[in-house]
Amino acid sequence: MLSDDLTKKLNAQINSESYSVVLYLQMSAWCSSKGYDGCASFFRLQANEEKQHMEKLFDYMLETGALPQLGQIEAPPTSWDSVRDLFQATFEHEVKISRDISSLVEIAIHEKDFSTHNFLQWYVSEQHEEEFKLKSILDRIDMITAEGHGVYTIDREVSRLSQQAESSVAKERY
């Protein structure tokens, strides 16, 4: 059974994951409106992943006898100055989520809740992958001149990475 503190913090994480879904859908919409179809697909895939992360937390809480509680989330930003700013904001958001997950791990260790600690290790690994992927995208953006055909090249590269990630996710399901 989860402690009251851990229940409260896991519910907060569920809401953070919910916000991530909405944020990435908004980012996808912004990309679509600019004609960045590869980036739009990438963020749509990211939104779907975040929904799975939220549901995984939701189900874990139910399995432990705790009550998941969905709270109000704020509206995300609706525009960014550039593709680079968009991905920088995404990277910073994922770093924040990583810190939140680490905080949950610390609480589980402090409370000697080894089941929750074990459960959270999947999130620790997932966040490492997310940060690495986004840092790689930012590095590629910085290597390419973001003027004229540079944005097109960035979009094509993100689309390629998105397809690789989607293929990887499909393999994990089976």
N, C-alpha and C. Protein backbone atom coordinates (compact mmCIF):
# COMPACT_ATOMS: atom_id res chain seq x y z
N MET A 1 0.84 -1.18 0.00
CA MET A 1 0.00 0.00 0.00
C MET A 1 0.88 1.25 0.00
N LEU A 2 0.48 2.22 -0.79
CA LEU A 2 1.24 3.45 -0.91
C LEU A 2 0.97 4.38 0.27
N SER A 3 2.00 5.11 0.69
CA SER A 3 1.82 6.12 1.72
C SER A 3 1.00 7.28 1.15
N ASP A 4 0.48 8.10 2.03
CA ASP A 4 -0.28 9.27 1.59
C ASP A 4 0.60 10.22 0.77
N ASP A 5 1.86 10.40 1.23
CA ASP A 5 2.77 11.29 0.52
C ASP A 5 3.07 10.78 -0.88
N LEU A 6 3.37 9.50 -0.99
CA LEU A 6 3.69 8.92 -2.31
C LEU A 6 2.45 8.93 -3.20
N THR A 7 1.29 8.69 -2.63
CA THR A 7 0.04 8.74 -3.41
C THR A 7 -0.15 10.14 -3.98
N LYS A 8 0.06 11.13 -3.14
CA LYS A 8 -0.09 12.53 -3.58
C LYS A 8 0.91 12.86 -4.70
N LYS A 9 2.16 12.43 -4.53
CA LYS A 9 3.21 12.73 -5.52
C LYS A 9 2.99 11.95 -6.82
N LEU A 10 2.53 10.71 -6.73
CA LEU A 10 2.23 9.95 -7.95
C LEU A 10 1.06 10.56 -8.71
N ASN A 11 0.06 11.05 -7.97
CA ASN A 11 -1.05 11.75 -8.62
C ASN A 11 -0.55 13.01 -9.32
N ALA A 12 0.37 13.72 -8.69
CA ALA A 12 0.94 14.91 -9.33
C ALA A 12 1.68 14.51 -10.61
N GLN A 13 2.37 13.36 -10.57
CA GLN A 13 3.08 12.90 -11.76
C GLN A 13 2.11 12.51 -12.87
N ILE A 14 1.00 11.89 -12.51
CA ILE A 14 -0.03 11.57 -13.50
C ILE A 14 -0.47 12.86 -14.20
N ASN A 15 -0.66 13.91 -13.42
CA ASN A 15 -1.08 15.17 -14.01
C ASN A 15 0.02 15.82 -14.84
N SER A 16 1.27 15.62 -14.45
CA SER A 16 2.38 16.11 -15.28
C SER A 16 2.42 15.38 -16.62
N GLU A 17 2.18 14.08 -16.58
CA GLU A 17 2.16 13.30 -17.82
C GLU A 17 0.97 13.74 -18.69
N SER A 18 -0.16 14.04 -18.05
CA SER A 18 -1.33 14.54 -18.79
C SER A 18 -1.00 15.86 -19.49
N TYR A 19 -0.31 16.74 -18.75
CA TYR A 19 0.11 18.01 -19.34
C TYR A 19 1.03 17.76 -20.53
N SER A 20 1.91 16.78 -20.40
CA SER A 20 2.83 16.46 -21.50
C SER A 20 2.07 16.04 -22.75
N VAL A 21 1.00 15.26 -22.57
CA VAL A 21 0.17 14.85 -23.72
C VAL A 21 -0.36 16.09 -24.43
N VAL A 22 -0.95 16.99 -23.66
CA VAL A 22 -1.56 18.20 -24.23
C VAL A 22 -0.48 19.10 -24.85
N LEU A 23 0.64 19.25 -24.17
CA LEU A 23 1.73 20.06 -24.69
C LEU A 23 2.21 19.54 -26.04
N TYR A 24 2.44 18.23 -26.13
CA TYR A 24 2.97 17.67 -27.37
C TYR A 24 1.94 17.67 -28.49
N LEU A 25 0.67 17.53 -28.16
CA LEU A 25 -0.36 17.68 -29.19
C LEU A 25 -0.38 19.11 -29.72
N GLN A 26 -0.24 20.09 -28.81
CA GLN A 26 -0.20 21.49 -29.24
C GLN A 26 1.03 21.75 -30.11
N MET A 27 2.15 21.18 -29.72
CA MET A 27 3.37 21.33 -30.52
C MET A 27 3.17 20.71 -31.90
N SER A 28 2.50 19.56 -31.95
CA SER A 28 2.21 18.92 -33.23
C SER A 28 1.33 19.83 -34.09
N ALA A 29 0.34 20.44 -33.47
CA ALA A 29 -0.55 21.34 -34.21
C ALA A 29 0.22 22.53 -34.76
N TRP A 30 1.11 23.10 -33.94
CA TRP A 30 1.91 24.24 -34.39
C TRP A 30 2.77 23.84 -35.58
N CYS A 31 3.40 22.68 -35.48
CA CYS A 31 4.24 22.19 -36.58
C CYS A 31 3.41 22.00 -37.85
N SER A 32 2.25 21.39 -37.71
CA SER A 32 1.37 21.19 -38.87
C SER A 32 1.00 22.52 -39.51
N SER A 33 0.71 23.51 -38.68
CA SER A 33 0.30 24.81 -39.22
C SER A 33 1.43 25.50 -39.98
N LYS A 34 2.67 25.11 -39.69
CA LYS A 34 3.83 25.68 -40.37
C LYS A 34 4.30 24.82 -41.54
N GLY A 35 3.66 23.66 -41.72
CA GLY A 35 4.06 22.76 -42.81
C GLY A 35 5.21 21.83 -42.44
N TYR A 36 5.53 21.72 -41.16
CA TYR A 36 6.61 20.86 -40.69
C TYR A 36 6.02 19.48 -40.37
N ASP A 37 5.70 18.75 -41.41
CA ASP A 37 4.98 17.49 -41.23
C ASP A 37 5.77 16.44 -40.46
N GLY A 38 7.07 16.38 -40.67
CA GLY A 38 7.90 15.43 -39.93
C GLY A 38 7.90 15.74 -38.45
N CYS A 39 8.04 17.01 -38.10
CA CYS A 39 8.01 17.41 -36.69
C CYS A 39 6.62 17.19 -36.11
N ALA A 40 5.59 17.45 -36.89
CA ALA A 40 4.22 17.22 -36.42
C ALA A 40 4.02 15.75 -36.08
N SER A 41 4.51 14.86 -36.92
CA SER A 41 4.41 13.42 -36.65
C SER A 41 5.19 13.04 -35.40
N PHE A 42 6.37 13.61 -35.26
CA PHE A 42 7.20 13.35 -34.09
C PHE A 42 6.45 13.70 -32.81
N PHE A 43 5.86 14.88 -32.77
CA PHE A 43 5.18 15.32 -31.55
C PHE A 43 3.87 14.56 -31.32
N ARG A 44 3.23 14.12 -32.38
CA ARG A 44 2.03 13.28 -32.21
C ARG A 44 2.44 11.95 -31.56
N LEU A 45 3.55 11.39 -32.01
CA LEU A 45 4.07 10.15 -31.42
C LEU A 45 4.45 10.38 -29.96
N GLN A 46 5.10 11.52 -29.68
CA GLN A 46 5.47 11.86 -28.30
C GLN A 46 4.23 11.95 -27.41
N ALA A 47 3.17 12.57 -27.92
CA ALA A 47 1.93 12.69 -27.14
C ALA A 47 1.37 11.30 -26.81
N ASN A 48 1.41 10.40 -27.78
CA ASN A 48 0.92 9.05 -27.54
C ASN A 48 1.76 8.32 -26.49
N GLU A 49 3.08 8.52 -26.53
CA GLU A 49 3.96 7.92 -25.53
C GLU A 49 3.64 8.46 -24.14
N GLU A 50 3.43 9.76 -24.04
CA GLU A 50 3.13 10.36 -22.74
C GLU A 50 1.80 9.85 -22.19
N LYS A 51 0.85 9.60 -23.07
CA LYS A 51 -0.43 9.03 -22.64
C LYS A 51 -0.20 7.64 -22.05
N GLN A 52 0.67 6.86 -22.68
CA GLN A 52 0.99 5.54 -22.14
C GLN A 52 1.69 5.66 -20.79
N HIS A 53 2.56 6.64 -20.64
CA HIS A 53 3.24 6.86 -19.36
C HIS A 53 2.23 7.20 -18.27
N MET A 54 1.27 8.04 -18.62
CA MET A 54 0.24 8.43 -17.67
C MET A 54 -0.59 7.21 -17.26
N GLU A 55 -0.99 6.41 -18.24
CA GLU A 55 -1.82 5.24 -17.96
C GLU A 55 -1.07 4.21 -17.13
N LYS A 56 0.22 4.08 -17.36
CA LYS A 56 1.04 3.14 -16.59
C LYS A 56 1.05 3.54 -15.11
N LEU A 57 1.22 4.82 -14.83
CA LEU A 57 1.15 5.32 -13.45
C LEU A 57 -0.24 5.12 -12.86
N PHE A 58 -1.25 5.43 -13.64
CA PHE A 58 -2.64 5.28 -13.24
C PHE A 58 -2.92 3.84 -12.82
N ASP A 59 -2.51 2.90 -13.66
CA ASP A 59 -2.73 1.48 -13.38
C ASP A 59 -1.95 1.01 -12.17
N TYR A 60 -0.71 1.49 -12.02
CA TYR A 60 0.10 1.10 -10.86
C TYR A 60 -0.59 1.53 -9.57
N MET A 61 -1.10 2.73 -9.57
CA MET A 61 -1.78 3.22 -8.37
C MET A 61 -2.98 2.34 -8.04
N LEU A 62 -3.76 1.99 -9.06
CA LEU A 62 -4.91 1.12 -8.82
C LEU A 62 -4.48 -0.24 -8.29
N GLU A 63 -3.40 -0.78 -8.84
CA GLU A 63 -2.89 -2.08 -8.40
C GLU A 63 -2.45 -2.06 -6.94
N THR A 64 -2.01 -0.91 -6.46
CA THR A 64 -1.54 -0.81 -5.08
C THR A 64 -2.64 -0.38 -4.12
N GLY A 65 -3.84 -0.22 -4.63
CA GLY A 65 -4.96 0.16 -3.78
C GLY A 65 -5.13 1.65 -3.58
N ALA A 66 -4.34 2.43 -4.29
CA ALA A 66 -4.44 3.89 -4.19
C ALA A 66 -5.43 4.41 -5.23
N LEU A 67 -5.95 5.58 -5.00
CA LEU A 67 -6.91 6.18 -5.92
C LEU A 67 -6.22 7.23 -6.79
N PRO A 68 -6.10 6.96 -8.09
CA PRO A 68 -5.56 8.00 -8.97
C PRO A 68 -6.57 9.16 -9.03
N GLN A 69 -6.05 10.37 -9.00
CA GLN A 69 -6.91 11.54 -9.07
C GLN A 69 -6.38 12.48 -10.14
N LEU A 70 -7.19 12.67 -11.15
CA LEU A 70 -6.82 13.57 -12.24
C LEU A 70 -7.18 14.98 -11.84
N GLY A 71 -6.23 15.87 -12.00
CA GLY A 71 -6.45 17.27 -11.62
C GLY A 71 -6.48 18.16 -12.84
N GLN A 72 -6.70 19.40 -12.60
CA GLN A 72 -6.72 20.40 -13.65
C GLN A 72 -5.31 20.65 -14.15
N ILE A 73 -5.17 20.77 -15.46
CA ILE A 73 -3.87 21.11 -16.04
C ILE A 73 -4.00 22.43 -16.79
N GLU A 74 -2.91 23.16 -16.81
CA GLU A 74 -2.93 24.45 -17.48
C GLU A 74 -2.79 24.27 -18.99
N ALA A 75 -3.25 25.25 -19.72
CA ALA A 75 -3.12 25.22 -21.17
C ALA A 75 -1.65 25.43 -21.54
N PRO A 76 -1.17 24.68 -22.52
CA PRO A 76 0.22 24.85 -22.94
C PRO A 76 0.38 26.07 -23.84
N PRO A 77 1.63 26.48 -24.07
CA PRO A 77 1.86 27.54 -25.06
C PRO A 77 1.33 27.08 -26.42
N THR A 78 1.06 28.03 -27.29
CA THR A 78 0.51 27.68 -28.60
C THR A 78 1.43 28.01 -29.76
N SER A 79 2.54 28.69 -29.47
CA SER A 79 3.46 29.00 -30.57
C SER A 79 4.88 29.14 -30.04
N TRP A 80 5.80 28.99 -30.96
CA TRP A 80 7.23 29.09 -30.65
C TRP A 80 7.87 29.92 -31.76
N ASP A 81 9.00 30.52 -31.46
CA ASP A 81 9.66 31.40 -32.43
C ASP A 81 10.32 30.63 -33.57
N SER A 82 10.74 29.40 -33.30
CA SER A 82 11.43 28.61 -34.32
C SER A 82 11.36 27.13 -33.95
N VAL A 83 11.75 26.30 -34.89
CA VAL A 83 11.82 24.86 -34.63
C VAL A 83 12.82 24.59 -33.51
N ARG A 84 13.93 25.32 -33.51
CA ARG A 84 14.92 25.12 -32.45
C ARG A 84 14.34 25.46 -31.09
N ASP A 85 13.61 26.59 -31.00
CA ASP A 85 12.98 26.97 -29.74
C ASP A 85 11.98 25.91 -29.28
N LEU A 86 11.27 25.35 -30.24
CA LEU A 86 10.31 24.29 -29.95
C LEU A 86 11.01 23.09 -29.31
N PHE A 87 12.10 22.65 -29.91
CA PHE A 87 12.81 21.49 -29.37
C PHE A 87 13.56 21.83 -28.09
N GLN A 88 14.01 23.05 -27.94
CA GLN A 88 14.64 23.45 -26.69
C GLN A 88 13.61 23.40 -25.56
N ALA A 89 12.41 23.90 -25.83
CA ALA A 89 11.34 23.85 -24.83
C ALA A 89 10.99 22.41 -24.48
N THR A 90 11.00 21.55 -25.47
CA THR A 90 10.71 20.13 -25.25
C THR A 90 11.79 19.50 -24.39
N PHE A 91 13.05 19.78 -24.70
CA PHE A 91 14.16 19.26 -23.91
C PHE A 91 14.04 19.71 -22.45
N GLU A 92 13.79 20.99 -22.26
CA GLU A 92 13.67 21.53 -20.90
C GLU A 92 12.50 20.90 -20.15
N HIS A 93 11.41 20.65 -20.86
CA HIS A 93 10.26 20.00 -20.24
C HIS A 93 10.63 18.58 -19.79
N GLU A 94 11.33 17.86 -20.65
CA GLU A 94 11.72 16.48 -20.29
C GLU A 94 12.73 16.46 -19.14
N VAL A 95 13.61 17.44 -19.07
CA VAL A 95 14.54 17.53 -17.93
C VAL A 95 13.75 17.73 -16.64
N LYS A 96 12.72 18.57 -16.70
CA LYS A 96 11.87 18.78 -15.52
C LYS A 96 11.19 17.47 -15.12
N ILE A 97 10.66 16.75 -16.08
CA ILE A 97 10.00 15.47 -15.80
C ILE A 97 11.00 14.50 -15.19
N SER A 98 12.23 14.49 -15.69
CA SER A 98 13.27 13.62 -15.13
C SER A 98 13.52 13.96 -13.66
N ARG A 99 13.58 15.24 -13.34
CA ARG A 99 13.77 15.65 -11.94
C ARG A 99 12.60 15.19 -11.08
N ASP A 100 11.39 15.30 -11.62
CA ASP A 100 10.21 14.87 -10.88
C ASP A 100 10.25 13.36 -10.61
N ILE A 101 10.65 12.60 -11.60
CA ILE A 101 10.77 11.14 -11.43
C ILE A 101 11.84 10.83 -10.39
N SER A 102 12.97 11.53 -10.45
CA SER A 102 14.03 11.31 -9.46
C SER A 102 13.53 11.61 -8.05
N SER A 103 12.72 12.63 -7.92
CA SER A 103 12.14 12.97 -6.62
C SER A 103 11.24 11.84 -6.11
N LEU A 104 10.47 11.26 -7.01
CA LEU A 104 9.63 10.12 -6.63
C LEU A 104 10.48 8.93 -6.18
N VAL A 105 11.56 8.69 -6.90
CA VAL A 105 12.47 7.59 -6.52
C VAL A 105 13.03 7.85 -5.13
N GLU A 106 13.45 9.08 -4.87
CA GLU A 106 13.98 9.42 -3.55
C GLU A 106 12.97 9.14 -2.44
N ILE A 107 11.72 9.50 -2.68
CA ILE A 107 10.67 9.27 -1.68
C ILE A 107 10.47 7.76 -1.46
N ALA A 108 10.41 7.02 -2.56
CA ALA A 108 10.23 5.56 -2.45
C ALA A 108 11.37 4.93 -1.67
N ILE A 109 12.60 5.37 -1.92
CA ILE A 109 13.75 4.84 -1.18
C ILE A 109 13.64 5.22 0.30
N HIS A 110 13.34 6.49 0.55
CA HIS A 110 13.22 6.96 1.94
C HIS A 110 12.16 6.16 2.70
N GLU A 111 11.06 5.86 2.03
CA GLU A 111 9.97 5.13 2.68
C GLU A 111 10.18 3.61 2.64
N LYS A 112 11.27 3.18 2.01
CA LYS A 112 11.56 1.75 1.85
C LYS A 112 10.42 1.03 1.13
N ASP A 113 9.84 1.74 0.15
CA ASP A 113 8.80 1.17 -0.71
C ASP A 113 9.51 0.63 -1.95
N PHE A 114 10.03 -0.58 -1.83
CA PHE A 114 10.86 -1.14 -2.89
C PHE A 114 10.06 -1.51 -4.13
N SER A 115 8.79 -1.81 -3.96
CA SER A 115 7.94 -2.10 -5.12
C SER A 115 7.80 -0.86 -6.00
N THR A 116 7.52 0.27 -5.36
CA THR A 116 7.39 1.52 -6.12
C THR A 116 8.74 1.93 -6.69
N HIS A 117 9.79 1.74 -5.91
CA HIS A 117 11.13 2.04 -6.41
C HIS A 117 11.41 1.23 -7.68
N ASN A 118 11.11 -0.04 -7.63
CA ASN A 118 11.32 -0.90 -8.80
C ASN A 118 10.47 -0.44 -9.98
N PHE A 119 9.21 -0.13 -9.73
CA PHE A 119 8.31 0.35 -10.77
C PHE A 119 8.85 1.61 -11.44
N LEU A 120 9.38 2.52 -10.64
CA LEU A 120 9.85 3.80 -11.17
C LEU A 120 11.13 3.68 -11.99
N GLN A 121 11.85 2.59 -11.88
CA GLN A 121 13.09 2.42 -12.65
C GLN A 121 12.82 2.46 -14.16
N TRP A 122 11.67 1.99 -14.57
CA TRP A 122 11.30 2.05 -15.99
C TRP A 122 11.25 3.52 -16.43
N TYR A 123 10.69 4.38 -15.60
CA TYR A 123 10.60 5.81 -15.91
C TYR A 123 11.99 6.47 -15.93
N VAL A 124 12.85 6.04 -15.04
CA VAL A 124 14.21 6.59 -15.02
C VAL A 124 14.89 6.30 -16.36
N SER A 125 14.78 5.06 -16.83
CA SER A 125 15.38 4.69 -18.12
C SER A 125 14.72 5.43 -19.28
N GLU A 126 13.41 5.53 -19.22
CA GLU A 126 12.66 6.21 -20.28
C GLU A 126 13.07 7.68 -20.37
N GLN A 127 13.22 8.33 -19.24
CA GLN A 127 13.62 9.74 -19.24
C GLN A 127 15.04 9.92 -19.77
N HIS A 128 15.91 8.99 -19.46
CA HIS A 128 17.27 9.04 -20.01
C HIS A 128 17.20 9.00 -21.54
N GLU A 129 16.40 8.09 -22.08
CA GLU A 129 16.24 7.98 -23.53
C GLU A 129 15.66 9.25 -24.13
N GLU A 130 14.65 9.83 -23.46
CA GLU A 130 14.02 11.05 -23.97
C GLU A 130 15.01 12.20 -24.03
N GLU A 131 15.76 12.39 -22.96
CA GLU A 131 16.72 13.49 -22.94
C GLU A 131 17.79 13.29 -24.01
N PHE A 132 18.28 12.08 -24.16
CA PHE A 132 19.29 11.79 -25.17
C PHE A 132 18.75 12.07 -26.58
N LYS A 133 17.52 11.61 -26.85
CA LYS A 133 16.91 11.82 -28.16
C LYS A 133 16.76 13.31 -28.47
N LEU A 134 16.27 14.07 -27.50
CA LEU A 134 16.05 15.49 -27.73
C LEU A 134 17.36 16.26 -27.84
N LYS A 135 18.34 15.87 -27.04
CA LYS A 135 19.66 16.51 -27.16
C LYS A 135 20.25 16.22 -28.54
N SER A 136 20.05 15.01 -29.05
CA SER A 136 20.53 14.66 -30.39
C SER A 136 19.85 15.51 -31.46
N ILE A 137 18.56 15.73 -31.31
CA ILE A 137 17.84 16.58 -32.27
C ILE A 137 18.37 18.01 -32.19
N LEU A 138 18.54 18.54 -30.98
CA LEU A 138 19.08 19.89 -30.84
C LEU A 138 20.47 20.00 -31.45
N ASP A 139 21.30 18.98 -31.25
CA ASP A 139 22.64 18.98 -31.84
C ASP A 139 22.56 19.01 -33.36
N ARG A 140 21.64 18.25 -33.94
CA ARG A 140 21.48 18.25 -35.40
C ARG A 140 21.00 19.60 -35.91
N ILE A 141 20.05 20.18 -35.18
CA ILE A 141 19.55 21.51 -35.57
C ILE A 141 20.70 22.51 -35.57
N ASP A 142 21.53 22.44 -34.54
CA ASP A 142 22.65 23.37 -34.45
C ASP A 142 23.68 23.15 -35.57
N MET A 143 23.78 21.93 -36.06
CA MET A 143 24.73 21.63 -37.14
C MET A 143 24.23 22.13 -38.49
N ILE A 144 22.93 22.28 -38.59
CA ILE A 144 22.33 22.66 -39.87
C ILE A 144 21.95 24.14 -39.80
N THR A 145 22.25 24.88 -40.82
CA THR A 145 21.81 26.27 -40.84
C THR A 145 20.30 26.28 -40.91
N ALA A 146 19.68 26.93 -39.96
CA ALA A 146 18.22 26.91 -39.86
C ALA A 146 17.56 27.94 -40.76
N GLU A 147 18.17 28.25 -41.86
CA GLU A 147 17.60 29.19 -42.81
C GLU A 147 17.23 28.45 -44.08
N GLY A 148 16.13 28.84 -44.69
CA GLY A 148 15.74 28.26 -45.97
C GLY A 148 15.63 26.76 -45.93
N HIS A 149 16.50 26.09 -46.68
CA HIS A 149 16.41 24.63 -46.77
C HIS A 149 16.84 23.94 -45.48
N GLY A 150 17.47 24.68 -44.58
CA GLY A 150 17.89 24.10 -43.30
C GLY A 150 16.71 23.60 -42.48
N VAL A 151 15.61 24.37 -42.43
CA VAL A 151 14.44 23.94 -41.69
C VAL A 151 13.83 22.70 -42.36
N TYR A 152 13.84 22.68 -43.68
CA TYR A 152 13.33 21.50 -44.39
C TYR A 152 14.18 20.28 -44.04
N THR A 153 15.48 20.45 -43.99
CA THR A 153 16.38 19.35 -43.65
C THR A 153 16.15 18.90 -42.21
N ILE A 154 15.97 19.85 -41.30
CA ILE A 154 15.67 19.52 -39.91
C ILE A 154 14.38 18.71 -39.84
N ASP A 155 13.36 19.18 -40.54
CA ASP A 155 12.07 18.48 -40.51
C ASP A 155 12.21 17.06 -41.04
N ARG A 156 12.96 16.89 -42.11
CA ARG A 156 13.17 15.55 -42.69
C ARG A 156 13.92 14.65 -41.71
N GLU A 157 14.92 15.20 -41.04
CA GLU A 157 15.70 14.43 -40.08
C GLU A 157 14.85 14.02 -38.88
N VAL A 158 14.01 14.93 -38.39
CA VAL A 158 13.12 14.60 -37.27
C VAL A 158 12.13 13.53 -37.69
N SER A 159 11.63 13.61 -38.91
CA SER A 159 10.72 12.59 -39.42
C SER A 159 11.38 11.22 -39.43
N ARG A 160 12.64 11.17 -39.86
CA ARG A 160 13.39 9.91 -39.89
C ARG A 160 13.55 9.35 -38.47
N LEU A 161 13.90 10.21 -37.53
CA LEU A 161 14.04 9.78 -36.14
C LEU A 161 12.70 9.32 -35.57
N SER A 162 11.64 10.01 -35.95
CA SER A 162 10.31 9.65 -35.48
C SER A 162 9.92 8.27 -35.98
N GLN A 163 10.23 7.98 -37.23
CA GLN A 163 9.92 6.66 -37.79
C GLN A 163 10.73 5.57 -37.09
N GLN A 164 11.98 5.86 -36.76
CA GLN A 164 12.79 4.89 -36.03
C GLN A 164 12.19 4.63 -34.65
N ALA A 165 11.78 5.69 -33.98
CA ALA A 165 11.20 5.55 -32.64
C ALA A 165 9.89 4.77 -32.70
N GLU A 166 9.08 5.05 -33.71
CA GLU A 166 7.81 4.36 -33.87
C GLU A 166 8.04 2.88 -34.12
N SER A 167 9.04 2.56 -34.92
CA SER A 167 9.39 1.17 -35.18
C SER A 167 9.85 0.48 -33.90
N SER A 168 10.62 1.18 -33.10
CA SER A 168 11.12 0.65 -31.84
C SER A 168 9.96 0.38 -30.87
N VAL A 169 9.01 1.31 -30.81
CA VAL A 169 7.86 1.15 -29.93
C VAL A 169 7.03 -0.05 -30.38
N ALA A 170 6.87 -0.21 -31.69
CA ALA A 170 6.09 -1.34 -32.22
C ALA A 170 6.75 -2.66 -31.85
N LYS A 171 8.08 -2.71 -31.89
CA LYS A 171 8.80 -3.95 -31.52
C LYS A 171 8.60 -4.27 -30.06
N GLU A 172 8.54 -3.24 -29.19
CA GLU A 172 8.36 -3.46 -27.75
C GLU A 172 6.99 -4.06 -27.44
N ARG A 173 6.02 -3.75 -28.27
CA ARG A 173 4.66 -4.24 -28.02
C ARG A 173 4.56 -5.74 -28.26
N TYR A 174 5.41 -6.26 -29.13
CA TYR A 174 5.28 -7.69 -29.51
C TYR A 174 6.42 -8.50 -29.03
